[in-house]
Each structure stands twice: as structure tokens, then as C-alpha cells.
């Protein structure tokens, strides 16, 4: 299983808090489900100097996973 975090750049206090706790959350899952767990993070970097391709990738991920606020955690399992 993969826990994917979609976050804002470094200025997001809830994102910072989640970064500190993600190892604990993954460990709890592994103990409970007896299945390995990986953590993937995608940070939505957007500046006026961002490449168009980066903006398009951000938009596509936000739409695919229903990102409405940061941070967003998505659980990807075998059924995904």
C-alpha cells in the first residue's frame, strides 16, 4: 500500500505537521494490516516562474485525486 500526500510548499503549517508524523502513520498501518506501507509526497510548487508543464502536472493530479485543500492524503491500495 502507498500513502500519498499532496502538499503545498514549505509555508503550509498543516503540511509541516504532517511531514513530521508520516513515519508514525505508516508504521501504525504496517502494524495493523501486516502489510508494508510506502509514503509518497507530491508538493505543488507554483510560482510565477513555474514551467507550464509543472502547472499542468499539478492541475492533473489535483483533479484526479480531488484535492481541495492542503495537505491531502490519498490511500493507494491493490484495488486502486
Protein backbone atom coordinates (compact mmCIF):
# COMPACT_ATOMS: atom_id res chain seq x y z
CA UNK A 1 0.00 0.00 0.00
CA UNK A 2 1.05 3.56 -0.63
CA UNK A 3 0.02 6.62 1.36
CA UNK A 4 0.35 9.63 -0.93
CA UNK A 5 0.47 13.13 0.48
CA UNK A 6 -0.31 16.08 -1.74
CA UNK A 7 1.09 19.18 -0.10
CA UNK A 8 1.74 22.87 -0.57
CA UNK A 9 5.27 24.30 -0.46
CA UNK A 10 7.02 24.92 2.85
CA UNK A 11 4.79 27.77 4.06
CA UNK A 12 1.85 25.47 4.90
CA UNK A 13 1.75 24.78 8.70
CA UNK A 14 -0.54 21.69 8.43
CA UNK A 15 1.77 20.27 5.74
CA UNK A 16 4.78 20.75 8.01
CA UNK A 17 2.99 18.98 10.86
CA UNK A 18 2.05 16.05 8.64
CA UNK A 19 5.64 15.68 7.39
CA UNK A 20 6.73 15.13 11.00
CA UNK A 21 4.05 12.47 11.63
CA UNK A 22 4.08 10.49 8.39
CA UNK A 23 6.57 7.86 9.57
CA UNK A 24 4.40 7.21 12.62
CA UNK A 25 1.24 6.93 10.49
CA UNK A 26 2.88 4.49 8.07
CA UNK A 27 4.18 2.41 10.99
CA UNK A 28 0.74 2.20 12.57
CA UNK A 29 -0.72 0.98 9.27
CA UNK A 30 2.01 -1.66 8.89
CA UNK A 31 1.39 -3.00 12.40
CA UNK A 32 -2.39 -3.05 11.97
CA UNK A 33 -2.59 -4.52 8.47
CA UNK A 34 0.61 -6.59 8.49
CA UNK A 35 1.42 -5.17 5.07
CA UNK A 36 4.31 -2.93 4.01
CA UNK A 37 3.49 0.72 3.56
CA UNK A 38 5.30 3.32 1.49
CA UNK A 39 4.90 7.07 1.58
CA UNK A 40 4.93 9.29 -1.49
CA UNK A 41 4.79 13.07 -1.34
CA UNK A 42 3.94 15.44 -4.17
CA UNK A 43 4.49 19.12 -3.45
CA UNK A 44 2.52 21.57 -5.56
CA UNK A 45 5.21 24.16 -6.31
CA UNK A 46 3.65 27.11 -8.07
CA UNK A 47 5.46 30.36 -8.67
CA UNK A 48 5.27 32.86 -11.45
CA UNK A 49 8.44 31.24 -12.81
CA UNK A 50 7.00 27.69 -12.80
CA UNK A 51 7.13 25.83 -16.05
CA UNK A 52 3.85 25.30 -17.87
CA UNK A 53 4.44 21.54 -17.69
CA UNK A 54 4.68 21.75 -13.87
CA UNK A 55 1.41 23.68 -13.66
CA UNK A 56 -0.30 21.16 -15.93
CA UNK A 57 1.00 18.23 -13.84
CA UNK A 58 -0.24 19.91 -10.65
CA UNK A 59 -3.68 20.54 -12.15
CA UNK A 60 -3.98 16.96 -13.42
CA UNK A 61 -3.07 15.47 -10.03
CA UNK A 62 -5.37 17.83 -8.16
CA UNK A 63 -8.27 16.87 -10.41
CA UNK A 64 -7.52 13.13 -10.33
CA UNK A 65 -7.35 12.95 -6.54
CA UNK A 66 -9.93 15.62 -5.69
CA UNK A 67 -7.52 17.97 -3.94
CA UNK A 68 -9.47 20.84 -2.41
CA UNK A 69 -7.09 21.77 0.41
CA UNK A 70 -3.59 21.01 1.63
CA UNK A 71 -2.46 18.61 2.83
CA UNK A 72 -4.48 15.85 1.19
CA UNK A 73 -3.69 12.21 1.98
CA UNK A 74 -4.68 9.55 -0.54
CA UNK A 75 -4.56 5.80 0.14
CA UNK A 76 -3.50 3.75 -2.86
CA UNK A 77 -4.02 0.03 -2.45
CA UNK A 78 -4.18 -3.03 -4.70
CA UNK A 79 -7.71 -2.15 -5.77
CA UNK A 80 -6.71 1.34 -6.92
